[in-house]
Amino acid sequence: MGHTVTIIFRFTSSPTHRSGNTLDLIITRTSDGVLHGHPSVDAMLSDHCSLLFKVQIRKPPPLLKKVSYRKVKDIDFDDFRKDVAESRLITETHSDLSELVQCYNESLTAVLDYHAPIVTRDVPVRSRQPWYNDNIRTEKQARRRLERKWKRDRSHVNEEMLRHQKNKVNHVIDSTRSQFYSQKIEECGTDQKKTFGIIKGLFMVKLNIQNMHHCLS
């Protein structure tokens, strides 16, 4: 026995394409009830507008890990050197090597804890792609700066600069990822097992090795 599913097409009150047409919409089922209100049109940073809408679902909690660090850059090194000079490491003498090492560790740790105590906080765990490099990070940081600048004044000049930087970031990511996997596949040589492993990771599917071997041969 089949089930009847009612589909709702959520349209906007404004065009979503530069040519003046409404090409973008949101499709939901009445049984879901996840949308709240009607979608609205945001800035047109490409030939299509982005659609804004509220979703009545809870965001899953992020996976967190604890990170401990010291704010070494905030240390006043004049005071730091003064406290080291007045510590037991300098004012006391030790004839035993073990006592001297223990005094060294305890004295410097105490001074460091005073000037730059250990700070522990929770940070979200993000998976790092193997092809992600400093060049991509730099371009994405430039994109975020331009986005903040555009949000402040909404000028056409900053909008065009942001659009150009968005396209540049996408191009850098695509080319870097392509070069990375091309090199990995080339390094596999005649080892088909490694080649299939890379392809499986790319497409997230189970591969039939016999069929792949037949196609490649």
Protein backbone atom coordinates (compact mmCIF):
# COMPACT_ATOMS: atom_id res chain seq x y z
CA MET A 1 0.00 0.00 0.00
CA GLY A 2 1.55 3.30 -1.08
CA HIS A 3 1.78 6.50 0.91
CA THR A 4 0.71 9.88 -0.43
CA VAL A 5 3.33 12.58 -0.04
CA THR A 6 2.39 16.23 -0.49
CA ILE A 7 5.15 18.42 -1.85
CA ILE A 8 5.29 22.16 -1.21
CA PHE A 9 7.19 24.50 -3.50
CA ARG A 10 8.36 27.55 -1.58
CA PHE A 11 8.78 30.54 -3.92
CA THR A 12 10.24 33.94 -3.17
CA SER A 13 8.57 37.27 -3.83
CA SER A 14 11.60 38.51 -5.82
CA PRO A 15 13.51 37.19 -8.85
CA THR A 16 16.44 34.91 -8.04
CA HIS A 17 18.41 35.30 -11.29
CA ARG A 18 20.14 38.25 -12.89
CA SER A 19 17.85 37.97 -15.93
CA GLY A 20 14.82 38.66 -13.72
CA ASN A 21 13.50 35.09 -13.51
CA THR A 22 12.71 32.99 -10.46
CA LEU A 23 14.84 29.89 -10.99
CA ASP A 24 15.62 28.98 -7.39
CA LEU A 25 13.08 27.56 -4.96
CA ILE A 26 12.85 25.37 -1.89
CA ILE A 27 11.05 22.03 -2.00
CA THR A 28 9.73 20.46 1.21
CA ARG A 29 7.15 17.91 2.30
CA THR A 30 4.21 18.98 4.42
CA SER A 31 4.92 16.14 6.83
CA ASP A 32 8.39 17.50 7.60
CA GLY A 33 7.43 20.89 8.98
CA VAL A 34 11.03 22.04 9.04
CA LEU A 35 10.62 25.43 7.37
CA HIS A 36 9.48 28.49 9.26
CA GLY A 37 8.01 31.36 7.26
CA HIS A 38 8.82 32.16 3.66
CA PRO A 39 12.26 32.30 2.01
CA SER A 40 13.81 35.63 1.19
CA VAL A 41 16.40 36.71 -1.38
CA ASP A 42 19.89 37.67 -0.23
CA ALA A 43 22.71 39.36 -2.16
CA MET A 44 23.41 38.30 -5.75
CA LEU A 45 27.09 37.35 -5.54
CA SER A 46 26.87 35.26 -8.72
CA ASP A 47 24.28 34.99 -11.48
CA HIS A 48 21.94 33.42 -8.89
CA CYS A 49 20.78 34.84 -5.57
CA SER A 50 21.24 32.94 -2.36
CA LEU A 51 17.99 32.11 -0.55
CA LEU A 52 17.61 32.69 3.17
CA PHE A 53 15.15 30.66 5.22
CA LYS A 54 14.71 29.47 8.79
CA VAL A 55 14.83 25.77 9.56
CA GLN A 56 13.11 24.43 12.66
CA ILE A 57 15.68 21.78 13.54
CA ARG A 58 18.38 21.71 16.14
CA LYS A 59 21.97 21.85 15.09
CA PRO A 60 23.85 18.76 16.31
CA PRO A 61 26.43 19.54 18.99
CA PRO A 62 29.97 19.73 17.60
CA LEU A 63 32.64 17.22 18.55
CA LEU A 64 34.99 19.03 20.92
CA LYS A 65 38.52 18.47 22.13
CA LYS A 66 40.45 20.16 24.92
CA VAL A 67 43.41 22.33 23.97
CA SER A 68 45.90 23.73 26.48
CA TYR A 69 48.22 26.64 25.73
CA ARG A 70 50.07 29.58 27.25
CA LYS A 71 49.83 33.21 26.18
CA VAL A 72 53.59 33.62 25.88
CA LYS A 73 53.28 36.78 23.78
CA ASP A 74 51.68 38.59 26.74
CA ILE A 75 54.70 38.05 29.01
CA ASP A 76 56.55 41.12 30.26
CA PHE A 77 60.09 39.79 29.80
CA ASP A 78 61.68 42.35 32.10
CA ASP A 79 59.53 41.11 34.99
CA PHE A 80 60.04 37.53 33.81
CA ARG A 81 63.84 37.84 33.92
CA LYS A 82 63.63 39.51 37.34
CA ASP A 83 61.54 36.67 38.79
CA VAL A 84 63.91 34.06 37.33
CA ALA A 85 66.87 35.87 38.91
CA GLU A 86 65.11 35.83 42.31
CA SER A 87 64.00 32.19 42.08
CA ARG A 88 65.49 29.26 44.00
CA LEU A 89 67.35 28.26 40.86
CA ILE A 90 69.63 31.29 41.27
CA THR A 91 69.53 31.97 45.02
CA GLU A 92 70.22 28.40 46.16
CA THR A 93 73.16 26.10 45.48
CA HIS A 94 72.87 22.38 44.89
CA SER A 95 75.68 19.85 44.95
CA ASP A 96 73.48 16.97 43.81
CA LEU A 97 72.64 16.85 40.10
CA SER A 98 69.17 15.37 40.64
CA GLU A 99 68.27 18.14 43.09
CA LEU A 100 69.54 20.76 40.66
CA VAL A 101 67.43 19.35 37.81
CA GLN A 102 64.37 19.23 40.07
CA CYS A 103 64.96 22.82 41.22
CA TYR A 104 65.42 23.90 37.59
CA ASN A 105 62.10 22.39 36.54
CA GLU A 106 60.13 23.55 39.56
CA SER A 107 61.50 27.11 39.58
CA LEU A 108 61.04 27.83 35.90
CA THR A 109 57.62 26.17 35.85
CA ALA A 110 56.48 28.31 38.80
CA VAL A 111 57.68 31.52 37.12
CA LEU A 112 56.10 30.54 33.81
CA ASP A 113 52.80 29.62 35.51
CA TYR A 114 52.72 33.07 37.12
CA HIS A 115 53.39 35.07 33.96
CA ALA A 116 51.65 32.80 31.43
CA PRO A 117 49.38 30.30 33.16
CA ILE A 118 48.08 27.34 31.21
CA VAL A 119 44.70 28.06 29.61
CA THR A 120 42.47 25.13 28.65
CA ARG A 121 39.44 25.46 26.40
CA ASP A 122 37.24 23.33 24.19
CA VAL A 123 37.62 23.70 20.42
CA PRO A 124 35.61 21.98 17.68
CA VAL A 125 37.27 19.07 15.90
CA ARG A 126 37.46 19.64 12.16
CA SER A 127 38.70 17.07 9.69
CA ARG A 128 41.71 18.26 7.70
CA GLN A 129 41.76 17.42 4.02
CA PRO A 130 45.16 16.13 2.87
CA TRP A 131 45.24 18.57 -0.07
CA TYR A 132 44.49 21.64 2.06
CA ASN A 133 47.54 23.94 2.12
CA ASP A 134 48.66 27.41 3.20
CA ASN A 135 47.79 28.93 -0.17
CA ILE A 136 44.13 27.94 0.20
CA ARG A 137 44.07 29.24 3.77
CA THR A 138 45.49 32.60 2.66
CA GLU A 139 42.93 33.00 -0.13
CA LYS A 140 40.06 32.08 2.19
CA GLN A 141 41.25 34.61 4.76
CA ALA A 142 41.30 37.26 2.03
CA ARG A 143 37.75 36.26 1.08
CA ARG A 144 36.57 36.63 4.68
CA ARG A 145 38.15 40.08 4.95
CA LEU A 146 36.41 41.21 1.76
CA GLU A 147 33.13 39.73 2.97
CA ARG A 148 33.31 41.68 6.23
CA LYS A 149 34.21 44.83 4.31
CA TRP A 150 31.28 44.35 1.91
CA LYS A 151 28.83 43.71 4.76
CA ARG A 152 29.79 47.04 6.33
CA ASP A 153 29.01 49.28 3.32
CA ARG A 154 27.25 47.01 0.73
CA SER A 155 29.02 48.93 -2.04
CA HIS A 156 29.08 47.67 -5.62
CA VAL A 157 32.90 47.87 -5.74
CA ASN A 158 33.34 45.65 -2.69
CA GLU A 159 30.67 43.29 -4.00
CA GLU A 160 32.60 42.83 -7.25
CA MET A 161 35.86 42.31 -5.34
CA LEU A 162 34.18 39.71 -3.13
CA ARG A 163 32.72 37.91 -6.14
CA HIS A 164 36.14 37.83 -7.80
CA GLN A 165 37.77 36.48 -4.63
CA LYS A 166 35.08 33.80 -4.22
CA ASN A 167 35.77 32.58 -7.75
CA LYS A 168 39.50 32.64 -7.06
CA VAL A 169 39.11 30.55 -3.91
CA ASN A 170 37.02 27.97 -5.79
CA HIS A 171 39.60 27.83 -8.58
CA VAL A 172 42.50 27.41 -6.13
CA ILE A 173 40.69 24.63 -4.26
CA ASP A 174 39.75 22.77 -7.46
CA SER A 175 43.22 23.02 -8.99
CA THR A 176 45.01 22.09 -5.76
CA ARG A 177 42.77 19.09 -5.16
CA SER A 178 43.13 17.96 -8.78
CA GLN A 179 46.93 18.23 -8.69
CA PHE A 180 47.09 16.39 -5.36
CA TYR A 181 45.08 13.37 -6.48
CA SER A 182 46.68 13.30 -9.93
CA GLN A 183 50.07 13.04 -8.26
CA LYS A 184 48.81 10.37 -5.84
CA ILE A 185 47.43 8.27 -8.70
CA GLU A 186 50.64 8.73 -10.68
CA GLU A 187 52.68 7.59 -7.67
CA CYS A 188 50.66 4.36 -7.53
CA GLY A 189 52.21 3.27 -10.82
CA THR A 190 51.07 -0.28 -11.60
CA ASP A 191 49.78 -0.90 -8.08
CA GLN A 192 46.07 -1.17 -8.87
CA LYS A 193 45.12 -1.81 -5.24
CA LYS A 194 46.40 1.61 -4.20
CA THR A 195 44.80 3.23 -7.25
CA PHE A 196 41.39 1.71 -6.43
CA GLY A 197 41.78 2.81 -2.81
CA ILE A 198 42.28 6.44 -3.89
CA ILE A 199 39.33 6.29 -6.31
CA LYS A 200 37.14 4.72 -3.63
CA GLY A 201 38.00 7.55 -1.25
CA LEU A 202 37.17 10.14 -3.91
CA PHE A 203 33.77 8.76 -4.89
CA MET A 204 32.80 7.23 -1.54
CA VAL A 205 31.52 4.08 -3.26
CA LYS A 206 32.38 0.40 -3.30
CA LEU A 207 34.28 -0.52 -6.40
CA ASN A 208 34.17 -3.81 -8.26
CA ILE A 209 37.88 -4.39 -8.76
CA GLN A 210 37.37 -6.99 -11.48
CA ASN A 211 35.17 -4.66 -13.52
CA MET A 212 37.57 -1.73 -12.99
CA HIS A 213 40.50 -3.91 -14.08
CA HIS A 214 38.56 -4.90 -17.21
CA CYS A 215 37.76 -1.25 -18.02
CA LEU A 216 41.33 -0.06 -17.48
CA SER A 217 42.80 -2.90 -19.54
